[in-house]
Amino acid sequence: MPSCLVLDVRLPGLSGLDFQAELMKADVRIPIVFISGHGDIPMTVRAMKAGAVDFLPKPFRDQDLLDAVTAAIQRDEKRREQENRLRDLKAHFSSLTTREREIMALVASGLMSKQIAAQIGLSEITVKVHRSHIMRKMEARSVADLVRMAEALGVKTTRSEH
């Protein structure tokens, strides 16, 4: 579930900044709100560049901490939603045949069915059937939607003229 971590910069042993670096190395992407009674500008910059949501100097108001935690949890919710959408897209894409993937890339490149047919040596009606299958399997509502999906998936859409 969406979450965040509130870390003091000064922890026994490993510093909060070092702990943040260890989390990043382990690919643990949890938003962090730092608190510190001993923070300085370079420390704050380092934390923020590494992805901290906020850096609160002590003493801080309770409301400031609540606002920072709320922002961090909202950021984590958005990240999780994006990851879920991408996971679903990848699952849909994996259901495509090799030919459908090839045609999807050409459609996303902006080619019309007639151009695709000429380029890959199929009839136009066969390309249209494949396009229909692609749209259904990818759950795309429009070609523009399919293009956005191709971009999100990193599908190579370079046009090759023959």
N, C-alpha and C. Protein backbone atom coordinates (compact mmCIF):
# COMPACT_ATOMS: atom_id res chain seq x y z
N MET A 1 0.84 -1.18 0.00
CA MET A 1 0.00 0.00 0.00
C MET A 1 0.88 1.24 0.00
N PRO A 2 0.34 2.36 -0.46
CA PRO A 2 1.14 3.59 -0.49
C PRO A 2 1.69 3.91 0.90
N SER A 3 2.93 4.37 0.92
CA SER A 3 3.58 4.64 2.19
C SER A 3 4.69 5.66 2.01
N CYS A 4 5.28 6.05 3.13
CA CYS A 4 6.46 6.91 3.10
C CYS A 4 7.30 6.62 4.33
N LEU A 5 8.49 7.14 4.33
CA LEU A 5 9.41 6.93 5.43
C LEU A 5 9.81 8.30 5.97
N VAL A 6 9.73 8.46 7.27
CA VAL A 6 10.20 9.69 7.92
C VAL A 6 11.52 9.34 8.57
N LEU A 7 12.59 10.00 8.12
CA LEU A 7 13.94 9.68 8.57
C LEU A 7 14.62 10.88 9.18
N ASP A 8 15.28 10.65 10.29
CA ASP A 8 16.14 11.69 10.86
C ASP A 8 17.49 11.55 10.15
N VAL A 9 18.10 12.68 9.84
CA VAL A 9 19.40 12.64 9.17
C VAL A 9 20.43 11.94 10.05
N ARG A 10 20.34 12.18 11.35
CA ARG A 10 21.30 11.56 12.27
C ARG A 10 20.68 10.31 12.89
N LEU A 11 21.09 9.18 12.39
CA LEU A 11 20.69 7.88 12.93
C LEU A 11 21.92 7.24 13.55
N PRO A 12 21.73 6.38 14.54
CA PRO A 12 22.91 5.69 15.07
C PRO A 12 23.49 4.77 14.00
N GLY A 13 24.78 4.83 13.82
CA GLY A 13 25.42 4.00 12.79
C GLY A 13 25.33 4.67 11.43
N LEU A 14 24.46 4.18 10.60
CA LEU A 14 24.26 4.69 9.24
C LEU A 14 23.48 6.01 9.30
N SER A 15 23.94 7.04 8.58
CA SER A 15 23.18 8.29 8.58
C SER A 15 21.91 8.11 7.75
N GLY A 16 20.96 9.01 7.95
CA GLY A 16 19.74 8.96 7.16
C GLY A 16 20.00 9.07 5.67
N LEU A 17 20.98 9.90 5.30
CA LEU A 17 21.33 10.06 3.88
C LEU A 17 21.95 8.78 3.32
N ASP A 18 22.79 8.12 4.13
CA ASP A 18 23.38 6.85 3.70
C ASP A 18 22.31 5.77 3.60
N PHE A 19 21.36 5.78 4.52
CA PHE A 19 20.25 4.83 4.49
C PHE A 19 19.42 5.04 3.23
N GLN A 20 19.19 6.30 2.88
CA GLN A 20 18.48 6.62 1.64
C GLN A 20 19.22 6.04 0.43
N ALA A 21 20.54 6.20 0.42
CA ALA A 21 21.35 5.66 -0.69
C ALA A 21 21.26 4.14 -0.75
N GLU A 22 21.26 3.48 0.42
CA GLU A 22 21.14 2.02 0.46
C GLU A 22 19.78 1.56 -0.07
N LEU A 23 18.74 2.28 0.28
CA LEU A 23 17.41 1.95 -0.24
C LEU A 23 17.38 2.06 -1.76
N MET A 24 18.00 3.11 -2.28
CA MET A 24 18.03 3.29 -3.74
C MET A 24 18.80 2.15 -4.41
N LYS A 25 19.93 1.75 -3.83
CA LYS A 25 20.72 0.63 -4.38
C LYS A 25 19.90 -0.64 -4.39
N ALA A 26 19.06 -0.83 -3.39
CA ALA A 26 18.23 -2.04 -3.28
C ALA A 26 16.93 -1.90 -4.09
N ASP A 27 16.79 -0.80 -4.83
CA ASP A 27 15.62 -0.51 -5.66
C ASP A 27 14.34 -0.44 -4.83
N VAL A 28 14.47 0.07 -3.60
CA VAL A 28 13.31 0.31 -2.75
C VAL A 28 12.95 1.77 -2.95
N ARG A 29 11.83 1.99 -3.62
CA ARG A 29 11.45 3.35 -3.98
C ARG A 29 10.30 3.84 -3.11
N ILE A 30 10.65 4.20 -1.91
CA ILE A 30 9.66 4.73 -0.97
C ILE A 30 9.98 6.21 -0.76
N PRO A 31 8.97 7.06 -0.83
CA PRO A 31 9.24 8.49 -0.61
C PRO A 31 9.73 8.73 0.82
N ILE A 32 10.68 9.64 0.94
CA ILE A 32 11.27 9.92 2.25
C ILE A 32 11.09 11.39 2.61
N VAL A 33 10.69 11.60 3.85
CA VAL A 33 10.65 12.94 4.45
C VAL A 33 11.76 12.95 5.49
N PHE A 34 12.71 13.84 5.31
CA PHE A 34 13.81 13.96 6.27
C PHE A 34 13.48 15.01 7.31
N ILE A 35 13.92 14.72 8.55
CA ILE A 35 13.86 15.71 9.62
C ILE A 35 15.26 15.80 10.21
N SER A 36 15.61 16.99 10.67
CA SER A 36 16.94 17.13 11.25
C SER A 36 17.05 18.39 12.09
N GLY A 37 17.75 18.25 13.20
CA GLY A 37 18.08 19.40 14.01
C GLY A 37 19.44 19.94 13.63
N HIS A 38 20.11 19.26 12.72
CA HIS A 38 21.48 19.61 12.36
C HIS A 38 21.67 19.70 10.86
N GLY A 39 20.62 19.96 10.13
CA GLY A 39 20.71 20.01 8.67
C GLY A 39 21.35 21.28 8.18
N ASP A 40 22.07 21.16 7.08
CA ASP A 40 22.62 22.33 6.43
C ASP A 40 22.19 22.29 4.97
N ILE A 41 22.51 23.32 4.24
CA ILE A 41 22.06 23.41 2.84
C ILE A 41 22.62 22.27 1.99
N PRO A 42 23.92 21.96 2.04
CA PRO A 42 24.41 20.84 1.22
C PRO A 42 23.72 19.51 1.55
N MET A 43 23.43 19.30 2.82
CA MET A 43 22.75 18.06 3.23
C MET A 43 21.34 18.03 2.65
N THR A 44 20.66 19.15 2.72
CA THR A 44 19.30 19.25 2.18
C THR A 44 19.30 19.02 0.68
N VAL A 45 20.24 19.65 -0.01
CA VAL A 45 20.34 19.49 -1.46
C VAL A 45 20.60 18.03 -1.82
N ARG A 46 21.51 17.39 -1.10
CA ARG A 46 21.83 15.98 -1.36
C ARG A 46 20.58 15.10 -1.19
N ALA A 47 19.84 15.32 -0.12
CA ALA A 47 18.63 14.53 0.14
C ALA A 47 17.59 14.75 -0.95
N MET A 48 17.38 16.00 -1.34
CA MET A 48 16.35 16.31 -2.33
C MET A 48 16.75 15.78 -3.71
N LYS A 49 18.03 15.90 -4.08
CA LYS A 49 18.48 15.36 -5.37
C LYS A 49 18.32 13.86 -5.43
N ALA A 50 18.40 13.21 -4.28
CA ALA A 50 18.25 11.75 -4.23
C ALA A 50 16.78 11.34 -4.12
N GLY A 51 15.88 12.33 -4.18
CA GLY A 51 14.47 11.99 -4.25
C GLY A 51 13.64 12.22 -3.00
N ALA A 52 14.21 12.85 -1.98
CA ALA A 52 13.43 13.12 -0.78
C ALA A 52 12.26 14.04 -1.13
N VAL A 53 11.14 13.84 -0.47
CA VAL A 53 9.96 14.66 -0.70
C VAL A 53 10.09 16.00 0.01
N ASP A 54 10.67 15.97 1.20
CA ASP A 54 10.80 17.20 1.97
C ASP A 54 11.94 17.04 2.97
N PHE A 55 12.42 18.15 3.49
CA PHE A 55 13.49 18.17 4.48
C PHE A 55 13.08 19.21 5.51
N LEU A 56 12.66 18.74 6.67
CA LEU A 56 12.15 19.64 7.71
C LEU A 56 13.17 19.85 8.82
N PRO A 57 13.54 21.10 9.07
CA PRO A 57 14.45 21.38 10.19
C PRO A 57 13.68 21.36 11.51
N LYS A 58 14.33 20.78 12.54
CA LYS A 58 13.73 20.80 13.88
C LYS A 58 14.00 22.15 14.51
N PRO A 59 13.12 22.68 15.28
CA PRO A 59 11.77 22.17 15.52
C PRO A 59 10.86 22.52 14.35
N PHE A 60 9.89 21.67 14.09
CA PHE A 60 8.94 21.93 13.01
C PHE A 60 7.53 21.80 13.58
N ARG A 61 6.60 22.41 12.90
CA ARG A 61 5.20 22.34 13.33
C ARG A 61 4.64 20.97 12.95
N ASP A 62 3.76 20.44 13.76
CA ASP A 62 3.11 19.15 13.47
C ASP A 62 2.46 19.18 12.08
N GLN A 63 1.83 20.32 11.77
CA GLN A 63 1.13 20.44 10.48
C GLN A 63 2.11 20.33 9.31
N ASP A 64 3.32 20.87 9.49
CA ASP A 64 4.32 20.78 8.41
C ASP A 64 4.68 19.32 8.16
N LEU A 65 4.84 18.54 9.22
CA LEU A 65 5.14 17.12 9.07
C LEU A 65 3.96 16.38 8.43
N LEU A 66 2.75 16.68 8.88
CA LEU A 66 1.57 16.04 8.29
C LEU A 66 1.44 16.37 6.81
N ASP A 67 1.70 17.62 6.44
CA ASP A 67 1.63 18.02 5.03
C ASP A 67 2.69 17.28 4.20
N ALA A 68 3.90 17.16 4.74
CA ALA A 68 4.98 16.47 4.03
C ALA A 68 4.65 14.99 3.86
N VAL A 69 4.12 14.36 4.90
CA VAL A 69 3.76 12.94 4.83
C VAL A 69 2.62 12.74 3.83
N THR A 70 1.64 13.63 3.85
CA THR A 70 0.54 13.54 2.89
C THR A 70 1.06 13.64 1.46
N ALA A 71 1.94 14.60 1.20
CA ALA A 71 2.52 14.76 -0.14
C ALA A 71 3.31 13.51 -0.55
N ALA A 72 4.05 12.95 0.39
CA ALA A 72 4.84 11.75 0.11
C ALA A 72 3.95 10.56 -0.22
N ILE A 73 2.88 10.40 0.53
CA ILE A 73 1.96 9.28 0.27
C ILE A 73 1.26 9.46 -1.07
N GLN A 74 0.89 10.69 -1.41
CA GLN A 74 0.28 10.95 -2.72
C GLN A 74 1.26 10.64 -3.84
N ARG A 75 2.52 11.00 -3.66
CA ARG A 75 3.53 10.70 -4.66
C ARG A 75 3.67 9.19 -4.83
N ASP A 76 3.66 8.47 -3.71
CA ASP A 76 3.80 7.00 -3.78
C ASP A 76 2.58 6.37 -4.46
N GLU A 77 1.39 6.90 -4.20
CA GLU A 77 0.18 6.40 -4.87
C GLU A 77 0.30 6.56 -6.38
N LYS A 78 0.74 7.74 -6.83
CA LYS A 78 0.89 7.99 -8.27
C LYS A 78 1.93 7.05 -8.88
N ARG A 79 3.05 6.86 -8.19
CA ARG A 79 4.10 5.96 -8.70
C ARG A 79 3.56 4.55 -8.84
N ARG A 80 2.84 4.09 -7.83
CA ARG A 80 2.28 2.73 -7.87
C ARG A 80 1.26 2.58 -8.99
N GLU A 81 0.42 3.61 -9.20
CA GLU A 81 -0.55 3.57 -10.29
C GLU A 81 0.16 3.48 -11.64
N GLN A 82 1.23 4.27 -11.81
CA GLN A 82 1.99 4.25 -13.07
C GLN A 82 2.63 2.88 -13.28
N GLU A 83 3.19 2.31 -12.22
CA GLU A 83 3.80 0.98 -12.33
C GLU A 83 2.76 -0.07 -12.68
N ASN A 84 1.57 0.02 -12.09
CA ASN A 84 0.50 -0.93 -12.40
C ASN A 84 0.05 -0.80 -13.85
N ARG A 85 -0.08 0.45 -14.33
CA ARG A 85 -0.47 0.66 -15.73
C ARG A 85 0.58 0.07 -16.67
N LEU A 86 1.85 0.31 -16.37
CA LEU A 86 2.92 -0.21 -17.22
C LEU A 86 2.95 -1.73 -17.17
N ARG A 87 2.74 -2.31 -16.00
CA ARG A 87 2.70 -3.77 -15.88
C ARG A 87 1.56 -4.35 -16.73
N ASP A 88 0.40 -3.70 -16.67
CA ASP A 88 -0.73 -4.15 -17.48
C ASP A 88 -0.44 -4.01 -18.97
N LEU A 89 0.18 -2.89 -19.36
CA LEU A 89 0.54 -2.69 -20.76
C LEU A 89 1.49 -3.79 -21.24
N LYS A 90 2.48 -4.10 -20.42
CA LYS A 90 3.44 -5.15 -20.78
C LYS A 90 2.74 -6.50 -20.92
N ALA A 91 1.77 -6.76 -20.06
CA ALA A 91 1.02 -8.02 -20.16
C ALA A 91 0.22 -8.06 -21.45
N HIS A 92 -0.43 -6.96 -21.80
CA HIS A 92 -1.17 -6.90 -23.06
C HIS A 92 -0.23 -7.08 -24.25
N PHE A 93 0.91 -6.38 -24.19
CA PHE A 93 1.88 -6.44 -25.29
C PHE A 93 2.42 -7.86 -25.46
N SER A 94 2.63 -8.55 -24.36
CA SER A 94 3.16 -9.92 -24.45
C SER A 94 2.15 -10.88 -25.08
N SER A 95 0.87 -10.49 -25.11
CA SER A 95 -0.14 -11.34 -25.74
C SER A 95 -0.15 -11.19 -27.26
N LEU A 96 0.55 -10.19 -27.79
CA LEU A 96 0.60 -9.98 -29.23
C LEU A 96 1.54 -10.99 -29.89
N THR A 97 1.19 -11.38 -31.10
CA THR A 97 2.09 -12.24 -31.88
C THR A 97 3.25 -11.39 -32.39
N THR A 98 4.28 -12.03 -32.89
CA THR A 98 5.43 -11.31 -33.45
C THR A 98 4.98 -10.38 -34.57
N ARG A 99 4.09 -10.87 -35.44
CA ARG A 99 3.59 -10.05 -36.56
C ARG A 99 2.80 -8.85 -36.03
N GLU A 100 1.98 -9.08 -35.01
CA GLU A 100 1.20 -7.98 -34.44
C GLU A 100 2.11 -6.93 -33.81
N ARG A 101 3.18 -7.36 -33.19
CA ARG A 101 4.14 -6.40 -32.61
C ARG A 101 4.79 -5.57 -33.72
N GLU A 102 5.14 -6.24 -34.80
CA GLU A 102 5.75 -5.55 -35.94
C GLU A 102 4.77 -4.52 -36.50
N ILE A 103 3.52 -4.90 -36.66
CA ILE A 103 2.52 -3.98 -37.22
C ILE A 103 2.22 -2.85 -36.23
N MET A 104 2.19 -3.17 -34.94
CA MET A 104 1.97 -2.12 -33.94
C MET A 104 3.04 -1.04 -34.04
N ALA A 105 4.29 -1.46 -34.19
CA ALA A 105 5.38 -0.49 -34.30
C ALA A 105 5.21 0.37 -35.55
N LEU A 106 4.78 -0.23 -36.64
CA LEU A 106 4.60 0.52 -37.88
C LEU A 106 3.40 1.46 -37.78
N VAL A 107 2.33 1.02 -37.14
CA VAL A 107 1.17 1.89 -36.92
C VAL A 107 1.59 3.07 -36.04
N ALA A 108 2.32 2.79 -34.99
CA ALA A 108 2.78 3.84 -34.08
C ALA A 108 3.75 4.79 -34.76
N SER A 109 4.37 4.34 -35.84
CA SER A 109 5.26 5.21 -36.61
C SER A 109 4.49 6.15 -37.51
N GLY A 110 3.18 5.92 -37.62
CA GLY A 110 2.36 6.81 -38.42
C GLY A 110 2.00 6.27 -39.80
N LEU A 111 2.34 5.03 -40.06
CA LEU A 111 2.04 4.46 -41.38
C LEU A 111 0.58 4.02 -41.46
N MET A 112 0.01 4.14 -42.66
CA MET A 112 -1.35 3.68 -42.93
C MET A 112 -1.29 2.19 -43.27
N SER A 113 -2.44 1.53 -43.19
CA SER A 113 -2.50 0.08 -43.47
C SER A 113 -1.93 -0.25 -44.84
N LYS A 114 -2.25 0.56 -45.84
CA LYS A 114 -1.77 0.32 -47.21
C LYS A 114 -0.24 0.39 -47.26
N GLN A 115 0.35 1.35 -46.54
CA GLN A 115 1.81 1.49 -46.50
C GLN A 115 2.45 0.32 -45.77
N ILE A 116 1.83 -0.09 -44.68
CA ILE A 116 2.35 -1.23 -43.91
C ILE A 116 2.31 -2.49 -44.77
N ALA A 117 1.20 -2.70 -45.46
CA ALA A 117 1.05 -3.88 -46.31
C ALA A 117 2.15 -3.93 -47.36
N ALA A 118 2.42 -2.80 -48.01
CA ALA A 118 3.46 -2.76 -49.03
C ALA A 118 4.84 -3.00 -48.42
N GLN A 119 5.06 -2.46 -47.23
CA GLN A 119 6.37 -2.58 -46.60
C GLN A 119 6.68 -4.00 -46.15
N ILE A 120 5.68 -4.73 -45.63
CA ILE A 120 5.97 -6.07 -45.10
C ILE A 120 5.44 -7.20 -45.96
N GLY A 121 4.86 -6.86 -47.11
CA GLY A 121 4.46 -7.89 -48.06
C GLY A 121 3.19 -8.64 -47.71
N LEU A 122 2.22 -7.94 -47.13
CA LEU A 122 0.92 -8.55 -46.83
C LEU A 122 -0.16 -7.78 -47.59
N SER A 123 -1.35 -8.36 -47.64
CA SER A 123 -2.45 -7.62 -48.24
C SER A 123 -2.94 -6.59 -47.24
N GLU A 124 -3.57 -5.54 -47.75
CA GLU A 124 -4.06 -4.48 -46.89
C GLU A 124 -5.12 -5.02 -45.92
N ILE A 125 -5.97 -5.92 -46.39
CA ILE A 125 -7.02 -6.46 -45.52
C ILE A 125 -6.41 -7.28 -44.38
N THR A 126 -5.31 -8.00 -44.65
CA THR A 126 -4.63 -8.77 -43.60
C THR A 126 -4.05 -7.82 -42.54
N VAL A 127 -3.47 -6.72 -42.99
CA VAL A 127 -2.94 -5.72 -42.06
C VAL A 127 -4.08 -5.15 -41.21
N LYS A 128 -5.23 -4.88 -41.83
CA LYS A 128 -6.37 -4.34 -41.08
C LYS A 128 -6.87 -5.34 -40.04
N VAL A 129 -6.85 -6.62 -40.37
CA VAL A 129 -7.25 -7.65 -39.40
C VAL A 129 -6.27 -7.66 -38.23
N HIS A 130 -4.98 -7.61 -38.54
CA HIS A 130 -3.96 -7.56 -37.47
C HIS A 130 -4.15 -6.31 -36.61
N ARG A 131 -4.40 -5.17 -37.24
CA ARG A 131 -4.61 -3.92 -36.50
C ARG A 131 -5.79 -4.06 -35.55
N SER A 132 -6.85 -4.68 -36.03
CA SER A 132 -8.03 -4.90 -35.20
C SER A 132 -7.69 -5.76 -33.98
N HIS A 133 -6.92 -6.83 -34.20
CA HIS A 133 -6.50 -7.70 -33.10
C HIS A 133 -5.63 -6.93 -32.11
N ILE A 134 -4.74 -6.11 -32.63
CA ILE A 134 -3.84 -5.31 -31.79
C ILE A 134 -4.65 -4.36 -30.91
N MET A 135 -5.58 -3.65 -31.52
CA MET A 135 -6.40 -2.69 -30.78
C MET A 135 -7.18 -3.39 -29.66
N ARG A 136 -7.72 -4.57 -29.97
CA ARG A 136 -8.50 -5.31 -28.98
C ARG A 136 -7.59 -5.83 -27.86
N LYS A 137 -6.48 -6.46 -28.22
CA LYS A 137 -5.59 -7.04 -27.22
C LYS A 137 -4.94 -5.97 -26.33
N MET A 138 -4.61 -4.82 -26.92
CA MET A 138 -3.98 -3.74 -26.16
C MET A 138 -5.00 -2.88 -25.43
N GLU A 139 -6.27 -3.12 -25.71
CA GLU A 139 -7.36 -2.33 -25.13
C GLU A 139 -7.19 -0.84 -25.45
N ALA A 140 -6.79 -0.58 -26.69
CA ALA A 140 -6.60 0.79 -27.16
C ALA A 140 -7.92 1.30 -27.74
N ARG A 141 -8.28 2.52 -27.38
CA ARG A 141 -9.53 3.10 -27.88
C ARG A 141 -9.34 3.83 -29.20
N SER A 142 -8.10 4.19 -29.50
CA SER A 142 -7.80 4.94 -30.72
C SER A 142 -6.35 4.68 -31.12
N VAL A 143 -6.01 5.10 -32.34
CA VAL A 143 -4.61 4.97 -32.78
C VAL A 143 -3.72 5.85 -31.90
N ALA A 144 -4.22 7.02 -31.52
CA ALA A 144 -3.43 7.90 -30.64
C ALA A 144 -3.15 7.19 -29.31
N ASP A 145 -4.14 6.49 -28.80
CA ASP A 145 -3.98 5.71 -27.57
C ASP A 145 -2.91 4.63 -27.77
N LEU A 146 -2.94 3.96 -28.92
CA LEU A 146 -1.96 2.92 -29.24
C LEU A 146 -0.55 3.52 -29.33
N VAL A 147 -0.44 4.70 -29.91
CA VAL A 147 0.86 5.38 -30.02
C VAL A 147 1.41 5.68 -28.62
N ARG A 148 0.55 6.17 -27.72
CA ARG A 148 0.99 6.44 -26.33
C ARG A 148 1.45 5.16 -25.65
N MET A 149 0.74 4.07 -25.91
CA MET A 149 1.12 2.78 -25.33
C MET A 149 2.48 2.34 -25.86
N ALA A 150 2.68 2.48 -27.17
CA ALA A 150 3.96 2.10 -27.78
C ALA A 150 5.10 2.91 -27.17
N GLU A 151 4.87 4.20 -26.97
CA GLU A 151 5.89 5.05 -26.35
C GLU A 151 6.19 4.61 -24.93
N ALA A 152 5.15 4.32 -24.15
CA ALA A 152 5.33 3.89 -22.76
C ALA A 152 6.10 2.57 -22.69
N LEU A 153 5.88 1.71 -23.68
CA LEU A 153 6.54 0.40 -23.72
C LEU A 153 7.94 0.47 -24.32
N GLY A 154 8.27 1.60 -24.93
CA GLY A 154 9.57 1.72 -25.59
C GLY A 154 9.64 0.96 -26.91
N VAL A 155 8.47 0.78 -27.56
CA VAL A 155 8.43 0.08 -28.84
C VAL A 155 9.11 0.96 -29.88
N LYS A 156 10.04 0.37 -30.60
CA LYS A 156 10.80 1.12 -31.63
C LYS A 156 9.83 1.46 -32.76
N THR A 157 9.68 2.77 -33.03
CA THR A 157 8.73 3.20 -34.04
C THR A 157 9.39 3.96 -35.19
N THR A 158 10.61 3.64 -35.48
CA THR A 158 11.26 4.33 -36.58
C THR A 158 10.71 3.83 -37.89
N ARG A 159 10.54 4.73 -38.78
CA ARG A 159 9.99 4.42 -40.09
C ARG A 159 11.11 3.97 -41.01
N SER A 160 10.93 2.82 -41.65
CA SER A 160 11.95 2.37 -42.62
C SER A 160 11.29 2.32 -43.99
N GLU A 161 11.81 3.12 -44.88
CA GLU A 161 11.25 3.21 -46.24
C GLU A 161 11.88 2.17 -47.14
N HIS A 162 11.05 1.50 -47.92
CA HIS A 162 11.53 0.47 -48.88
C HIS A 162 11.18 0.88 -50.27
